[in-house]
Amino acid sequence: MKYIEVKTGSWKDTPLPWWCRLLQRIIPPANPDYERFYPALRTWWVELDDKEVPTREIGFDADGNPIVLAPFGRNCGFIVDTSTPWNDAYEECLEAKAKFQATWKELEKSFSELKQ
C-alpha cells in the first residue's frame, strides 16, 4: 500500500446551473452523507493499492479535522470513486502512511451510524 496526501483549494460559492441541479435530483448521489462536507475539505489522505488505484480516503477540513472517510456505509468516496490508477502522480506522504490506519479506526467509531 502507498499513502498520499492531496491538497485542494476552496470551492466556488456560485450556484450550479439548472441542468446540474436537475441531474442531482434524478441521479442518486455517490456520497449522500458527505456531499455537504466537500466544499469544506482541504486535504485528503488516500490509500493506494499495489496498482496505485485508490482504495480508501480520509478528508480533512482547513483546521486539519477529519470529516469524511470512504468507502463507508452507502458512501462510495470522492477520490476512490474514480478507480483509475494514479501512476506516481504524488509522492508517498509519511504522515499519512504513519497515521492512516489509526485515524480510520477512530473515525469508524464516530461514523458507525452510517455503516448499514
PDB file of N, CA and C in Angstrom:
ATOM      1  N   MET A   1       0.831  -1.185   0.000  1.00  0.00           N
ATOM      2  CA  MET A   1       0.000   0.000   0.000  1.00  0.00           C
ATOM      3  C   MET A   1       0.876   1.250   0.000  1.00  0.00           C
ATOM      4  N   LYS A   2       0.345   2.273  -0.634  1.00  0.00           N
ATOM      5  CA  LYS A   2       1.005   3.575  -0.676  1.00  0.00           C
ATOM      6  C   LYS A   2      -0.003   4.598  -0.160  1.00  0.00           C
ATOM      7  N   TYR A   3       0.461   5.588   0.566  1.00  0.00           N
ATOM      8  CA  TYR A   3      -0.411   6.618   1.130  1.00  0.00           C
ATOM      9  C   TYR A   3       0.057   7.978   0.636  1.00  0.00           C
ATOM     10  N   ILE A   4      -0.874   8.728   0.063  1.00  0.00           N
ATOM     11  CA  ILE A   4      -0.544  10.042  -0.475  1.00  0.00           C
ATOM     12  C   ILE A   4      -1.420  11.103   0.178  1.00  0.00           C
ATOM     13  N   GLU A   5      -0.986  12.350   0.045  1.00  0.00           N
ATOM     14  CA  GLU A   5      -1.759  13.489   0.534  1.00  0.00           C
ATOM     15  C   GLU A   5      -2.076  14.376  -0.661  1.00  0.00           C
ATOM     16  N   VAL A   6      -3.348  14.736  -0.795  1.00  0.00           N
ATOM     17  CA  VAL A   6      -3.798  15.598  -1.883  1.00  0.00           C
ATOM     18  C   VAL A   6      -4.357  16.874  -1.270  1.00  0.00           C
ATOM     19  N   LYS A   7      -3.798  18.009  -1.643  1.00  0.00           N
ATOM     20  CA  LYS A   7      -4.281  19.315  -1.162  1.00  0.00           C
ATOM     21  C   LYS A   7      -5.258  19.874  -2.197  1.00  0.00           C
ATOM     22  N   THR A   8      -6.325  20.488  -1.712  1.00  0.00           N
ATOM     23  CA  THR A   8      -7.303  21.099  -2.611  1.00  0.00           C
ATOM     24  C   THR A   8      -7.506  22.556  -2.224  1.00  0.00           C
ATOM     25  N   GLY A   9      -7.991  23.326  -3.144  1.00  0.00           N
ATOM     26  CA  GLY A   9      -8.318  24.718  -2.868  1.00  0.00           C
ATOM     27  C   GLY A   9      -9.764  24.839  -2.442  1.00  0.00           C
ATOM     28  N   SER A  10     -10.214  26.062  -2.293  1.00  0.00           N
ATOM     29  CA  SER A  10     -11.603  26.280  -1.898  1.00  0.00           C
ATOM     30  C   SER A  10     -12.522  26.094  -3.100  1.00  0.00           C
ATOM     31  N   TRP A  11     -13.753  25.735  -2.811  1.00  0.00           N
ATOM     32  CA  TRP A  11     -14.760  25.548  -3.847  1.00  0.00           C
ATOM     33  C   TRP A  11     -15.445  26.876  -4.105  1.00  0.00           C
ATOM     34  N   LYS A  12     -15.902  27.055  -5.313  1.00  0.00           N
ATOM     35  CA  LYS A  12     -16.645  28.273  -5.651  1.00  0.00           C
ATOM     36  C   LYS A  12     -18.015  28.237  -4.992  1.00  0.00           C
ATOM     37  N   ASP A  13     -18.486  29.407  -4.600  1.00  0.00           N
ATOM     38  CA  ASP A  13     -19.805  29.511  -3.979  1.00  0.00           C
ATOM     39  C   ASP A  13     -20.909  29.783  -4.991  1.00  0.00           C
ATOM     40  N   THR A  14     -20.580  29.791  -6.269  1.00  0.00           N
ATOM     41  CA  THR A  14     -21.589  30.074  -7.284  1.00  0.00           C
ATOM     42  C   THR A  14     -22.575  28.913  -7.377  1.00  0.00           C
ATOM     43  N   PRO A  15     -23.847  29.225  -7.551  1.00  0.00           N
ATOM     44  CA  PRO A  15     -24.854  28.165  -7.653  1.00  0.00           C
ATOM     45  C   PRO A  15     -24.639  27.334  -8.922  1.00  0.00           C
ATOM     46  N   LEU A  16     -25.035  26.081  -8.845  1.00  0.00           N
ATOM     47  CA  LEU A  16     -24.935  25.200 -10.006  1.00  0.00           C
ATOM     48  C   LEU A  16     -25.946  25.612 -11.067  1.00  0.00           C
ATOM     49  N   PRO A  17     -25.651  25.361 -12.336  1.00  0.00           N
ATOM     50  CA  PRO A  17     -26.633  25.620 -13.387  1.00  0.00           C
ATOM     51  C   PRO A  17     -27.879  24.754 -13.168  1.00  0.00           C
ATOM     52  N   TRP A  18     -28.990  25.161 -13.735  1.00  0.00           N
ATOM     53  CA  TRP A  18     -30.260  24.462 -13.538  1.00  0.00           C
ATOM     54  C   TRP A  18     -30.181  22.999 -13.947  1.00  0.00           C
ATOM     55  N   TRP A  19     -29.463  22.711 -15.022  1.00  0.00           N
ATOM     56  CA  TRP A  19     -29.409  21.335 -15.510  1.00  0.00           C
ATOM     57  C   TRP A  19     -28.611  20.436 -14.564  1.00  0.00           C
ATOM     58  N   CYS A  20     -27.634  20.991 -13.855  1.00  0.00           N
ATOM     59  CA  CYS A  20     -26.886  20.216 -12.847  1.00  0.00           C
ATOM     60  C   CYS A  20     -27.783  19.901 -11.656  1.00  0.00           C
ATOM     61  N   ARG A  21     -28.563  20.887 -11.243  1.00  0.00           N
ATOM     62  CA  ARG A  21     -29.479  20.663 -10.123  1.00  0.00           C
ATOM     63  C   ARG A  21     -30.528  19.616 -10.489  1.00  0.00           C
ATOM     64  N   LEU A  22     -30.975  19.642 -11.738  1.00  0.00           N
ATOM     65  CA  LEU A  22     -31.937  18.643 -12.211  1.00  0.00           C
ATOM     66  C   LEU A  22     -31.319  17.246 -12.176  1.00  0.00           C
ATOM     67  N   LEU A  23     -30.101  17.118 -12.681  1.00  0.00           N
ATOM     68  CA  LEU A  23     -29.417  15.823 -12.662  1.00  0.00           C
ATOM     69  C   LEU A  23     -29.219  15.310 -11.239  1.00  0.00           C
ATOM     70  N   GLN A  24     -28.948  16.211 -10.311  1.00  0.00           N
ATOM     71  CA  GLN A  24     -28.767  15.802  -8.918  1.00  0.00           C
ATOM     72  C   GLN A  24     -30.044  15.215  -8.327  1.00  0.00           C
ATOM     73  N   ARG A  25     -31.183  15.627  -8.848  1.00  0.00           N
ATOM     74  CA  ARG A  25     -32.452  15.081  -8.363  1.00  0.00           C
ATOM     75  C   ARG A  25     -32.770  13.733  -9.004  1.00  0.00           C
ATOM     76  N   ILE A  26     -32.233  13.505 -10.207  1.00  0.00           N
ATOM     77  CA  ILE A  26     -32.524  12.272 -10.943  1.00  0.00           C
ATOM     78  C   ILE A  26     -31.533  11.160 -10.606  1.00  0.00           C
ATOM     79  N   ILE A  27     -30.249  11.493 -10.593  1.00  0.00           N
ATOM     80  CA  ILE A  27     -29.193  10.507 -10.370  1.00  0.00           C
ATOM     81  C   ILE A  27     -28.867  10.458  -8.879  1.00  0.00           C
ATOM     82  N   PRO A  28     -28.911   9.273  -8.280  1.00  0.00           N
ATOM     83  CA  PRO A  28     -28.586   9.191  -6.851  1.00  0.00           C
ATOM     84  C   PRO A  28     -27.138   9.611  -6.592  1.00  0.00           C
ATOM     85  N   PRO A  29     -26.894  10.326  -5.513  1.00  0.00           N
ATOM     86  CA  PRO A  29     -25.523  10.757  -5.210  1.00  0.00           C
ATOM     87  C   PRO A  29     -24.645   9.572  -4.809  1.00  0.00           C
ATOM     88  N   ALA A  30     -23.370   9.647  -5.163  1.00  0.00           N
ATOM     89  CA  ALA A  30     -22.417   8.588  -4.807  1.00  0.00           C
ATOM     90  C   ALA A  30     -22.059   8.645  -3.327  1.00  0.00           C
ATOM     91  N   ASN A  31     -22.218   9.821  -2.733  1.00  0.00           N
ATOM     92  CA  ASN A  31     -21.844  10.023  -1.331  1.00  0.00           C
ATOM     93  C   ASN A  31     -22.922  10.836  -0.615  1.00  0.00           C
ATOM     94  N   PRO A  32     -24.097  10.245  -0.413  1.00  0.00           N
ATOM     95  CA  PRO A  32     -25.223  11.021   0.116  1.00  0.00           C
ATOM     96  C   PRO A  32     -24.991  11.636   1.489  1.00  0.00           C
ATOM     97  N   ASP A  33     -24.173  11.009   2.316  1.00  0.00           N
ATOM     98  CA  ASP A  33     -23.944  11.546   3.659  1.00  0.00           C
ATOM     99  C   ASP A  33     -22.837  12.593   3.705  1.00  0.00           C
ATOM    100  N   TYR A  34     -22.058  12.696   2.640  1.00  0.00           N
ATOM    101  CA  TYR A  34     -20.879  13.563   2.649  1.00  0.00           C
ATOM    102  C   TYR A  34     -20.952  14.763   1.718  1.00  0.00           C
ATOM    103  N   GLU A  35     -21.856  14.770   0.766  1.00  0.00           N
ATOM    104  CA  GLU A  35     -21.886  15.826  -0.259  1.00  0.00           C
ATOM    105  C   GLU A  35     -21.779  17.223   0.350  1.00  0.00           C
ATOM    106  N   ARG A  36     -22.476  17.454   1.435  1.00  0.00           N
ATOM    107  CA  ARG A  36     -22.488  18.800   2.041  1.00  0.00           C
ATOM    108  C   ARG A  36     -21.146  19.191   2.660  1.00  0.00           C
ATOM    109  N   PHE A  37     -20.290  18.209   2.935  1.00  0.00           N
ATOM    110  CA  PHE A  37     -18.986  18.491   3.549  1.00  0.00           C
ATOM    111  C   PHE A  37     -17.885  18.787   2.530  1.00  0.00           C
ATOM    112  N   TYR A  38     -18.065  18.404   1.285  1.00  0.00           N
ATOM    113  CA  TYR A  38     -16.992  18.536   0.296  1.00  0.00           C
ATOM    114  C   TYR A  38     -16.465  19.958   0.117  1.00  0.00           C
ATOM    115  N   PRO A  39     -17.310  20.986   0.122  1.00  0.00           N
ATOM    116  CA  PRO A  39     -16.747  22.338  -0.015  1.00  0.00           C
ATOM    117  C   PRO A  39     -15.789  22.729   1.118  1.00  0.00           C
ATOM    118  N   ALA A  40     -15.912  22.096   2.280  1.00  0.00           N
ATOM    119  CA  ALA A  40     -15.043  22.425   3.420  1.00  0.00           C
ATOM    120  C   ALA A  40     -13.725  21.650   3.413  1.00  0.00           C
ATOM    121  N   LEU A  41     -13.609  20.640   2.569  1.00  0.00           N
ATOM    122  CA  LEU A  41     -12.396  19.810   2.558  1.00  0.00           C
ATOM    123  C   LEU A  41     -11.227  20.538   1.918  1.00  0.00           C
ATOM    124  N   ARG A  42     -10.048  20.369   2.534  1.00  0.00           N
ATOM    125  CA  ARG A  42      -8.828  20.997   2.012  1.00  0.00           C
ATOM    126  C   ARG A  42      -7.698  20.000   1.792  1.00  0.00           C
ATOM    127  N   THR A  43      -7.764  18.855   2.479  1.00  0.00           N
ATOM    128  CA  THR A  43      -6.710  17.849   2.373  1.00  0.00           C
ATOM    129  C   THR A  43      -7.330  16.456   2.371  1.00  0.00           C
ATOM    130  N   TRP A  44      -6.765  15.588   1.549  1.00  0.00           N
ATOM    131  CA  TRP A  44      -7.183  14.185   1.505  1.00  0.00           C
ATOM    132  C   TRP A  44      -5.975  13.303   1.766  1.00  0.00           C
ATOM    133  N   TRP A  45      -6.164  12.260   2.554  1.00  0.00           N
ATOM    134  CA  TRP A  45      -5.215  11.163   2.614  1.00  0.00           C
ATOM    135  C   TRP A  45      -5.842  10.039   1.811  1.00  0.00           C
ATOM    136  N   VAL A  46      -5.080   9.495   0.894  1.00  0.00           N
ATOM    137  CA  VAL A  46      -5.601   8.454   0.012  1.00  0.00           C
ATOM    138  C   VAL A  46      -4.708   7.224   0.100  1.00  0.00           C
ATOM    139  N   GLU A  47      -5.337   6.083   0.292  1.00  0.00           N
ATOM    140  CA  GLU A  47      -4.630   4.804   0.307  1.00  0.00           C
ATOM    141  C   GLU A  47      -4.699   4.221  -1.102  1.00  0.00           C
ATOM    142  N   LEU A  48      -3.543   3.882  -1.654  1.00  0.00           N
ATOM    143  CA  LEU A  48      -3.465   3.291  -2.992  1.00  0.00           C
ATOM    144  C   LEU A  48      -3.033   1.836  -2.873  1.00  0.00           C
ATOM    145  N   ASP A  49      -3.613   0.974  -3.715  1.00  0.00           N
ATOM    146  CA  ASP A  49      -3.183  -0.422  -3.710  1.00  0.00           C
ATOM    147  C   ASP A  49      -1.897  -0.581  -4.520  1.00  0.00           C
ATOM    148  N   ASP A  50      -1.469  -1.809  -4.741  1.00  0.00           N
ATOM    149  CA  ASP A  50      -0.210  -2.063  -5.448  1.00  0.00           C
ATOM    150  C   ASP A  50      -0.220  -1.581  -6.895  1.00  0.00           C
ATOM    151  N   LYS A  51      -1.424  -1.416  -7.467  1.00  0.00           N
ATOM    152  CA  LYS A  51      -1.544  -0.902  -8.840  1.00  0.00           C
ATOM    153  C   LYS A  51      -1.797   0.600  -8.846  1.00  0.00           C
ATOM    154  N   GLU A  52      -1.688   1.213  -7.661  1.00  0.00           N
ATOM    155  CA  GLU A  52      -1.884   2.655  -7.452  1.00  0.00           C
ATOM    156  C   GLU A  52      -3.308   3.124  -7.736  1.00  0.00           C
ATOM    157  N   VAL A  53      -4.270   2.238  -7.488  1.00  0.00           N
ATOM    158  CA  VAL A  53      -5.685   2.578  -7.584  1.00  0.00           C
ATOM    159  C   VAL A  53      -6.151   2.953  -6.177  1.00  0.00           C
ATOM    160  N   PRO A  54      -6.857   4.092  -6.021  1.00  0.00           N
ATOM    161  CA  PRO A  54      -7.340   4.492  -4.695  1.00  0.00           C
ATOM    162  C   PRO A  54      -8.287   3.445  -4.102  1.00  0.00           C
ATOM    163  N   THR A  55      -8.063   3.092  -2.834  1.00  0.00           N
ATOM    164  CA  THR A  55      -8.921   2.112  -2.166  1.00  0.00           C
ATOM    165  C   THR A  55      -9.690   2.712  -0.987  1.00  0.00           C
ATOM    166  N   ARG A  56      -9.065   3.643  -0.265  1.00  0.00           N
ATOM    167  CA  ARG A  56      -9.744   4.323   0.844  1.00  0.00           C
ATOM    168  C   ARG A  56      -9.265   5.763   0.899  1.00  0.00           C
ATOM    169  N   GLU A  57     -10.081   6.616   1.512  1.00  0.00           N
ATOM    170  CA  GLU A  57      -9.736   8.038   1.619  1.00  0.00           C
ATOM    171  C   GLU A  57     -10.253   8.608   2.935  1.00  0.00           C
ATOM    172  N   ILE A  58      -9.540   9.599   3.426  1.00  0.00           N
ATOM    173  CA  ILE A  58      -9.964  10.373   4.594  1.00  0.00           C
ATOM    174  C   ILE A  58      -9.823  11.838   4.202  1.00  0.00           C
ATOM    175  N   GLY A  59     -10.880  12.619   4.403  1.00  0.00           N
ATOM    176  CA  GLY A  59     -10.857  14.037   4.058  1.00  0.00           C
ATOM    177  C   GLY A  59     -10.816  14.914   5.297  1.00  0.00           C
ATOM    178  N   PHE A  60     -10.005  15.978   5.230  1.00  0.00           N
ATOM    179  CA  PHE A  60      -9.807  16.894   6.358  1.00  0.00           C
ATOM    180  C   PHE A  60     -10.229  18.311   5.981  1.00  0.00           C
ATOM    181  N   ASP A  61     -10.766  19.044   6.960  1.00  0.00           N
ATOM    182  CA  ASP A  61     -11.113  20.445   6.723  1.00  0.00           C
ATOM    183  C   ASP A  61      -9.865  21.322   6.871  1.00  0.00           C
ATOM    184  N   ALA A  62     -10.038  22.636   6.770  1.00  0.00           N
ATOM    185  CA  ALA A  62      -8.910  23.577   6.815  1.00  0.00           C
ATOM    186  C   ALA A  62      -8.169  23.552   8.152  1.00  0.00           C
ATOM    187  N   ASP A  63      -8.849  23.138   9.218  1.00  0.00           N
ATOM    188  CA  ASP A  63      -8.221  23.061  10.540  1.00  0.00           C
ATOM    189  C   ASP A  63      -7.563  21.707  10.806  1.00  0.00           C
ATOM    190  N   GLY A  64      -7.596  20.824   9.811  1.00  0.00           N
ATOM    191  CA  GLY A  64      -6.985  19.507   9.970  1.00  0.00           C
ATOM    192  C   GLY A  64      -7.865  18.479  10.650  1.00  0.00           C
ATOM    193  N   ASN A  65      -9.160  18.798  10.787  1.00  0.00           N
ATOM    194  CA  ASN A  65     -10.093  17.852  11.392  1.00  0.00           C
ATOM    195  C   ASN A  65     -10.586  16.865  10.338  1.00  0.00           C
ATOM    196  N   PRO A  66     -10.513  15.566  10.611  1.00  0.00           N
ATOM    197  CA  PRO A  66     -11.040  14.597   9.648  1.00  0.00           C
ATOM    198  C   PRO A  66     -12.560  14.636   9.671  1.00  0.00           C
ATOM    199  N   ILE A  67     -13.182  14.824   8.503  1.00  0.00           N
ATOM    200  CA  ILE A  67     -14.644  14.939   8.469  1.00  0.00           C
ATOM    201  C   ILE A  67     -15.322  13.942   7.535  1.00  0.00           C
ATOM    202  N   VAL A  68     -14.575  13.247   6.674  1.00  0.00           N
ATOM    203  CA  VAL A  68     -15.166  12.194   5.841  1.00  0.00           C
ATOM    204  C   VAL A  68     -14.191  11.021   5.726  1.00  0.00           C
ATOM    205  N   LEU A  69     -14.747   9.823   5.588  1.00  0.00           N
ATOM    206  CA  LEU A  69     -13.947   8.656   5.251  1.00  0.00           C
ATOM    207  C   LEU A  69     -14.769   7.786   4.316  1.00  0.00           C
ATOM    208  N   ALA A  70     -14.103   7.177   3.370  1.00  0.00           N
ATOM    209  CA  ALA A  70     -14.822   6.390   2.377  1.00  0.00           C
ATOM    210  C   ALA A  70     -13.872   5.394   1.716  1.00  0.00           C
ATOM    211  N   PRO A  71     -14.403   4.332   1.164  1.00  0.00           N
ATOM    212  CA  PRO A  71     -15.824   3.993   1.166  1.00  0.00           C
ATOM    213  C   PRO A  71     -16.282   3.580   2.563  1.00  0.00           C
ATOM    214  N   PHE A  72     -17.484   3.995   2.891  1.00  0.00           N
ATOM    215  CA  PHE A  72     -18.037   3.691   4.205  1.00  0.00           C
ATOM    216  C   PHE A  72     -19.550   3.763   4.125  1.00  0.00           C
ATOM    217  N   GLY A  73     -20.218   2.716   4.584  1.00  0.00           N
ATOM    218  CA  GLY A  73     -21.666   2.682   4.506  1.00  0.00           C
ATOM    219  C   GLY A  73     -22.125   2.819   3.067  1.00  0.00           C
ATOM    220  N   ARG A  74     -23.017   3.746   2.815  1.00  0.00           N
ATOM    221  CA  ARG A  74     -23.537   3.934   1.452  1.00  0.00           C
ATOM    222  C   ARG A  74     -22.761   4.987   0.661  1.00  0.00           C
ATOM    223  N   ASN A  75     -21.614   5.392   1.157  1.00  0.00           N
ATOM    224  CA  ASN A  75     -20.787   6.414   0.510  1.00  0.00           C
ATOM    225  C   ASN A  75     -19.607   5.767  -0.213  1.00  0.00           C
ATOM    226  N   CYS A  76     -19.560   5.952  -1.529  1.00  0.00           N
ATOM    227  CA  CYS A  76     -18.516   5.336  -2.367  1.00  0.00           C
ATOM    228  C   CYS A  76     -17.163   6.000  -2.201  1.00  0.00           C
ATOM    229  N   GLY A  77     -17.177   7.296  -1.957  1.00  0.00           N
ATOM    230  CA  GLY A  77     -15.935   8.053  -1.882  1.00  0.00           C
ATOM    231  C   GLY A  77     -15.817   9.018  -3.036  1.00  0.00           C
ATOM    232  N   PHE A  78     -15.077  10.075  -2.828  1.00  0.00           N
ATOM    233  CA  PHE A  78     -14.884  11.113  -3.842  1.00  0.00           C
ATOM    234  C   PHE A  78     -13.736  10.744  -4.771  1.00  0.00           C
ATOM    235  N   ILE A  79     -12.586  10.436  -4.194  1.00  0.00           N
ATOM    236  CA  ILE A  79     -11.413  10.062  -4.983  1.00  0.00           C
ATOM    237  C   ILE A  79     -11.458   8.579  -5.326  1.00  0.00           C
ATOM    238  N   VAL A  80     -11.871   7.753  -4.378  1.00  0.00           N
ATOM    239  CA  VAL A  80     -11.937   6.306  -4.595  1.00  0.00           C
ATOM    240  C   VAL A  80     -12.882   5.967  -5.741  1.00  0.00           C
ATOM    241  N   ASP A  81     -13.904   6.761  -5.932  1.00  0.00           N
ATOM    242  CA  ASP A  81     -14.904   6.505  -6.972  1.00  0.00           C
ATOM    243  C   ASP A  81     -14.309   6.530  -8.383  1.00  0.00           C
ATOM    244  N   THR A  82     -13.134   7.119  -8.557  1.00  0.00           N
ATOM    245  CA  THR A  82     -12.532   7.186  -9.893  1.00  0.00           C
ATOM    246  C   THR A  82     -12.017   5.840 -10.369  1.00  0.00           C
ATOM    247  N   SER A  83     -11.512   5.010  -9.457  1.00  0.00           N
ATOM    248  CA  SER A  83     -10.983   3.678  -9.780  1.00  0.00           C
ATOM    249  C   SER A  83      -9.906   3.690 -10.850  1.00  0.00           C
ATOM    250  N   THR A  84      -9.248   4.799 -11.030  1.00  0.00           N
ATOM    251  CA  THR A  84      -8.198   4.932 -12.036  1.00  0.00           C
ATOM    252  C   THR A  84      -6.842   4.972 -11.343  1.00  0.00           C
ATOM    253  N   PRO A  85      -5.843   4.258 -11.871  1.00  0.00           N
ATOM    254  CA  PRO A  85      -4.510   4.335 -11.260  1.00  0.00           C
ATOM    255  C   PRO A  85      -3.967   5.763 -11.273  1.00  0.00           C
ATOM    256  N   TRP A  86      -3.258   6.123 -10.229  1.00  0.00           N
ATOM    257  CA  TRP A  86      -2.697   7.465 -10.103  1.00  0.00           C
ATOM    258  C   TRP A  86      -1.285   7.551 -10.649  1.00  0.00           C
ATOM    259  N   ASN A  87      -0.691   6.438 -11.040  1.00  0.00           N
ATOM    260  CA  ASN A  87       0.599   6.389 -11.737  1.00  0.00           C
ATOM    261  C   ASN A  87       1.640   7.379 -11.231  1.00  0.00           C
ATOM    262  N   ASP A  88       1.992   7.257  -9.979  1.00  0.00           N
ATOM    263  CA  ASP A  88       3.041   8.090  -9.383  1.00  0.00           C
ATOM    264  C   ASP A  88       2.783   9.592  -9.494  1.00  0.00           C
ATOM    265  N   ALA A  89       1.512   9.979  -9.501  1.00  0.00           N
ATOM    266  CA  ALA A  89       1.179  11.401  -9.584  1.00  0.00           C
ATOM    267  C   ALA A  89       1.609  12.143  -8.322  1.00  0.00           C
ATOM    268  N   TYR A  90       1.679  11.439  -7.207  1.00  0.00           N
ATOM    269  CA  TYR A  90       2.043  12.045  -5.924  1.00  0.00           C
ATOM    270  C   TYR A  90       3.094  11.191  -5.236  1.00  0.00           C
ATOM    271  N   GLU A  91       3.973  11.846  -4.503  1.00  0.00           N
ATOM    272  CA  GLU A  91       4.943  11.132  -3.674  1.00  0.00           C
ATOM    273  C   GLU A  91       4.220  10.578  -2.449  1.00  0.00           C
ATOM    274  N   GLU A  92       4.763   9.526  -1.882  1.00  0.00           N
ATOM    275  CA  GLU A  92       4.170   8.978  -0.674  1.00  0.00           C
ATOM    276  C   GLU A  92       4.308   9.982   0.471  1.00  0.00           C
ATOM    277  N   CYS A  93       3.244  10.125   1.252  1.00  0.00           N
ATOM    278  CA  CYS A  93       3.220  11.033   2.402  1.00  0.00           C
ATOM    279  C   CYS A  93       3.484  10.213   3.667  1.00  0.00           C
ATOM    280  N   LEU A  94       4.586  10.488   4.334  1.00  0.00           N
ATOM    281  CA  LEU A  94       4.960   9.718   5.521  1.00  0.00           C
ATOM    282  C   LEU A  94       3.962   9.889   6.665  1.00  0.00           C
ATOM    283  N   GLU A  95       3.413  11.097   6.817  1.00  0.00           N
ATOM    284  CA  GLU A  95       2.421  11.315   7.877  1.00  0.00           C
ATOM    285  C   GLU A  95       1.174  10.482   7.614  1.00  0.00           C
ATOM    286  N   ALA A  96       0.689  10.498   6.374  1.00  0.00           N
ATOM    287  CA  ALA A  96      -0.489   9.704   6.026  1.00  0.00           C
ATOM    288  C   ALA A  96      -0.207   8.222   6.224  1.00  0.00           C
ATOM    289  N   LYS A  97       0.973   7.789   5.818  1.00  0.00           N
ATOM    290  CA  LYS A  97       1.341   6.375   5.971  1.00  0.00           C
ATOM    291  C   LYS A  97       1.351   5.976   7.444  1.00  0.00           C
ATOM    292  N   ALA A  98       1.893   6.834   8.290  1.00  0.00           N
ATOM    293  CA  ALA A  98       2.012   6.526   9.716  1.00  0.00           C
ATOM    294  C   ALA A  98       0.674   6.593  10.455  1.00  0.00           C
ATOM    295  N   LYS A  99      -0.222   7.483  10.033  1.00  0.00           N
ATOM    296  CA  LYS A  99      -1.435   7.747  10.814  1.00  0.00           C
ATOM    297  C   LYS A  99      -2.734   7.277  10.166  1.00  0.00           C
ATOM    298  N   PHE A 100      -2.698   6.804   8.923  1.00  0.00           N
ATOM    299  CA  PHE A 100      -3.934   6.473   8.209  1.00  0.00           C
ATOM    300  C   PHE A 100      -4.775   5.441   8.966  1.00  0.00           C
ATOM    301  N   GLN A 101      -4.179   4.309   9.324  1.00  0.00           N
ATOM    302  CA  GLN A 101      -4.938   3.229   9.967  1.00  0.00           C
ATOM    303  C   GLN A 101      -5.560   3.677  11.289  1.00  0.00           C
ATOM    304  N   ALA A 102      -4.792   4.357  12.122  1.00  0.00           N
ATOM    305  CA  ALA A 102      -5.307   4.810  13.418  1.00  0.00           C
ATOM    306  C   ALA A 102      -6.422   5.837  13.235  1.00  0.00           C
ATOM    307  N   THR A 103      -6.240   6.754  12.291  1.00  0.00           N
ATOM    308  CA  THR A 103      -7.272   7.765  12.021  1.00  0.00           C
ATOM    309  C   THR A 103      -8.535   7.094  11.507  1.00  0.00           C
ATOM    310  N   TRP A 104      -8.389   6.132  10.609  1.00  0.00           N
ATOM    311  CA  TRP A 104      -9.536   5.403  10.056  1.00  0.00           C
ATOM    312  C   TRP A 104     -10.304   4.703  11.180  1.00  0.00           C
ATOM    313  N   LYS A 105      -9.592   3.987  12.034  1.00  0.00           N
ATOM    314  CA  LYS A 105     -10.250   3.251  13.123  1.00  0.00           C
ATOM    315  C   LYS A 105     -10.979   4.190  14.075  1.00  0.00           C
ATOM    316  N   GLU A 106     -10.385   5.329  14.365  1.00  0.00           N
ATOM    317  CA  GLU A 106     -11.025   6.304  15.248  1.00  0.00           C
ATOM    318  C   GLU A 106     -12.287   6.876  14.600  1.00  0.00           C
ATOM    319  N   LEU A 107     -12.199   7.217  13.332  1.00  0.00           N
ATOM    320  CA  LEU A 107     -13.365   7.764  12.634  1.00  0.00           C
ATOM    321  C   LEU A 107     -14.459   6.725  12.457  1.00  0.00           C
ATOM    322  N   GLU A 108     -14.069   5.486  12.259  1.00  0.00           N
ATOM    323  CA  GLU A 108     -15.043   4.410  12.098  1.00  0.00           C
ATOM    324  C   GLU A 108     -16.013   4.381  13.274  1.00  0.00           C
ATOM    325  N   LYS A 109     -15.514   4.617  14.473  1.00  0.00           N
ATOM    326  CA  LYS A 109     -16.366   4.659  15.668  1.00  0.00           C
ATOM    327  C   LYS A 109     -17.352   5.820  15.577  1.00  0.00           C
ATOM    328  N   SER A 110     -16.860   6.985  15.159  1.00  0.00           N
ATOM    329  CA  SER A 110     -17.705   8.178  15.067  1.00  0.00           C
ATOM    330  C   SER A 110     -18.753   8.057  13.971  1.00  0.00           C
ATOM    331  N   PHE A 111     -18.434   7.325  12.915  1.00  0.00           N
ATOM    332  CA  PHE A 111     -19.313   7.229  11.761  1.00  0.00           C
ATOM    333  C   PHE A 111     -20.135   5.943  11.776  1.00  0.00           C
ATOM    334  N   SER A 112     -20.144   5.228  12.894  1.00  0.00           N
ATOM    335  CA  SER A 112     -20.785   3.910  12.944  1.00  0.00           C
ATOM    336  C   SER A 112     -22.254   3.941  12.538  1.00  0.00           C
ATOM    337  N   GLU A 113     -22.946   5.059  12.766  1.00  0.00           N
ATOM    338  CA  GLU A 113     -24.362   5.136  12.376  1.00  0.00           C
ATOM    339  C   GLU A 113     -24.538   5.123  10.860  1.00  0.00           C
ATOM    340  N   LEU A 114     -23.483   5.424  10.105  1.00  0.00           N
ATOM    341  CA  LEU A 114     -23.571   5.405   8.644  1.00  0.00           C
ATOM    342  C   LEU A 114     -23.364   4.009   8.070  1.00  0.00           C
ATOM    343  N   LYS A 115     -22.781   3.123   8.858  1.00  0.00           N
ATOM    344  CA  LYS A 115     -22.490   1.766   8.386  1.00  0.00           C
ATOM    345  C   LYS A 115     -23.755   0.931   8.512  1.00  0.00           C
ATOM    346  N   GLN A 116     -24.331   0.575   7.375  1.00  0.00           N
ATOM    347  CA  GLN A 116     -25.611  -0.150   7.394  1.00  0.00           C
ATOM    348  C   GLN A 116     -25.500  -1.458   6.686  1.00  0.00           C
TER     349      GLN A 116
END
